[in-house]
Amino acid sequence: MLKVSHNLKLHRIKAGLTQLELARRLGVRERVITFWETGRSEPHIEQAVDIARILQAEPKEVFPNMFVGC
């Protein structure tokens, strides 16, 4: 789970978004983003696709463990 959290944070920062901005675009609480970025939990697959779209990245770049072989 560490790799997912690390990649998510890097891509979010690269996109110039704060945790709060990403949370608002996804319709979740900021705490959820914090949990994902610290490895306490992971987004559902549908959320992962939405996150990648918002961050203008390929889902497998942000979430390599979820999109193996894609």
C-alpha atoms as a PDB file:
ATOM      1  CA  MET A   1       0.000   0.000   0.000  1.00  0.00           C
ATOM      2  CA  LEU A   2       2.950   2.338   0.519  1.00  0.00           C
ATOM      3  CA  LYS A   3       3.623   2.660  -3.203  1.00  0.00           C
ATOM      4  CA  VAL A   4       0.014   3.690  -3.900  1.00  0.00           C
ATOM      5  CA  SER A   5       0.108   6.336  -1.196  1.00  0.00           C
ATOM      6  CA  HIS A   6       3.468   7.671  -2.362  1.00  0.00           C
ATOM      7  CA  ASN A   7       2.415   7.831  -6.025  1.00  0.00           C
ATOM      8  CA  LEU A   8      -0.887   9.481  -5.207  1.00  0.00           C
ATOM      9  CA  LYS A   9       0.771  12.246  -3.218  1.00  0.00           C
ATOM     10  CA  LEU A  10       3.427  12.851  -5.875  1.00  0.00           C
ATOM     11  CA  HIS A  11       0.877  13.076  -8.684  1.00  0.00           C
ATOM     12  CA  ARG A  12      -1.400  15.342  -6.620  1.00  0.00           C
ATOM     13  CA  ILE A  13       1.443  17.739  -5.905  1.00  0.00           C
ATOM     14  CA  LYS A  14       2.587  17.612  -9.526  1.00  0.00           C
ATOM     15  CA  ALA A  15      -0.962  18.552 -10.566  1.00  0.00           C
ATOM     16  CA  GLY A  16      -0.792  21.544  -8.212  1.00  0.00           C
ATOM     17  CA  LEU A  17      -3.695  20.421  -6.043  1.00  0.00           C
ATOM     18  CA  THR A  18      -4.043  20.440  -2.292  1.00  0.00           C
ATOM     19  CA  GLN A  19      -5.647  17.544  -0.482  1.00  0.00           C
ATOM     20  CA  LEU A  20      -8.717  19.702   0.046  1.00  0.00           C
ATOM     21  CA  GLU A  21      -9.006  20.575  -3.649  1.00  0.00           C
ATOM     22  CA  LEU A  22      -8.728  16.931  -4.681  1.00  0.00           C
ATOM     23  CA  ALA A  23     -11.243  15.919  -2.029  1.00  0.00           C
ATOM     24  CA  ARG A  24     -13.757  18.499  -3.246  1.00  0.00           C
ATOM     25  CA  ARG A  25     -13.402  17.362  -6.865  1.00  0.00           C
ATOM     26  CA  LEU A  26     -14.003  13.765  -5.798  1.00  0.00           C
ATOM     27  CA  GLY A  27     -16.822  14.584  -3.402  1.00  0.00           C
ATOM     28  CA  VAL A  28     -15.058  13.120  -0.360  1.00  0.00           C
ATOM     29  CA  ARG A  29     -13.740  14.569   2.878  1.00  0.00           C
ATOM     30  CA  GLU A  30     -10.163  15.795   3.052  1.00  0.00           C
ATOM     31  CA  ARG A  31      -9.497  13.143   5.692  1.00  0.00           C
ATOM     32  CA  VAL A  32     -10.105  10.452   3.056  1.00  0.00           C
ATOM     33  CA  ILE A  33      -7.288  11.858   0.909  1.00  0.00           C
ATOM     34  CA  THR A  34      -5.047  11.926   3.982  1.00  0.00           C
ATOM     35  CA  PHE A  35      -5.839   8.263   4.690  1.00  0.00           C
ATOM     36  CA  TRP A  36      -5.020   7.308   1.098  1.00  0.00           C
ATOM     37  CA  GLU A  37      -1.771   9.273   1.103  1.00  0.00           C
ATOM     38  CA  THR A  38      -0.618   7.794   4.399  1.00  0.00           C
ATOM     39  CA  GLY A  39      -1.479   4.229   3.422  1.00  0.00           C
ATOM     40  CA  ARG A  40      -4.260   3.810   5.968  1.00  0.00           C
ATOM     41  CA  SER A  41      -6.690   2.902   3.192  1.00  0.00           C
ATOM     42  CA  GLU A  42      -6.970   2.827  -0.594  1.00  0.00           C
ATOM     43  CA  PRO A  43      -9.586   4.214  -2.952  1.00  0.00           C
ATOM     44  CA  HIS A  44     -12.068   1.942  -4.691  1.00  0.00           C
ATOM     45  CA  ILE A  45     -11.236   1.143  -8.299  1.00  0.00           C
ATOM     46  CA  GLU A  46     -13.839   3.611  -9.600  1.00  0.00           C
ATOM     47  CA  GLN A  47     -12.386   6.361  -7.427  1.00  0.00           C
ATOM     48  CA  ALA A  48      -8.889   5.502  -8.628  1.00  0.00           C
ATOM     49  CA  VAL A  49      -9.957   6.065 -12.236  1.00  0.00           C
ATOM     50  CA  ASP A  50     -11.553   9.406 -11.297  1.00  0.00           C
ATOM     51  CA  ILE A  51      -8.454  10.460  -9.360  1.00  0.00           C
ATOM     52  CA  ALA A  52      -6.170   9.672 -12.285  1.00  0.00           C
ATOM     53  CA  ARG A  53      -8.435  11.665 -14.619  1.00  0.00           C
ATOM     54  CA  ILE A  54      -8.385  14.668 -12.270  1.00  0.00           C
ATOM     55  CA  LEU A  55      -4.600  14.412 -11.937  1.00  0.00           C
ATOM     56  CA  GLN A  56      -4.252  14.065 -15.725  1.00  0.00           C
ATOM     57  CA  ALA A  57      -2.382  10.777 -15.404  1.00  0.00           C
ATOM     58  CA  GLU A  58      -2.884   7.183 -16.422  1.00  0.00           C
ATOM     59  CA  PRO A  59      -4.506   5.101 -13.667  1.00  0.00           C
ATOM     60  CA  LYS A  60      -1.638   2.586 -13.773  1.00  0.00           C
ATOM     61  CA  GLU A  61       0.877   5.407 -13.144  1.00  0.00           C
ATOM     62  CA  VAL A  62      -0.848   6.544  -9.974  1.00  0.00           C
ATOM     63  CA  PHE A  63      -2.085   3.127  -8.830  1.00  0.00           C
ATOM     64  CA  PRO A  64       0.314   0.509 -10.238  1.00  0.00           C
ATOM     65  CA  ASN A  65      -0.888  -2.211  -7.836  1.00  0.00           C
ATOM     66  CA  MET A  66      -4.524  -1.797  -8.926  1.00  0.00           C
ATOM     67  CA  PHE A  67      -3.952  -1.751 -12.668  1.00  0.00           C
ATOM     68  CA  VAL A  68      -1.422  -4.526 -13.166  1.00  0.00           C
ATOM     69  CA  GLY A  69      -1.304  -5.609 -16.794  1.00  0.00           C
ATOM     70  CA  CYS A  70      -3.456  -2.744 -18.077  1.00  0.00           C
END
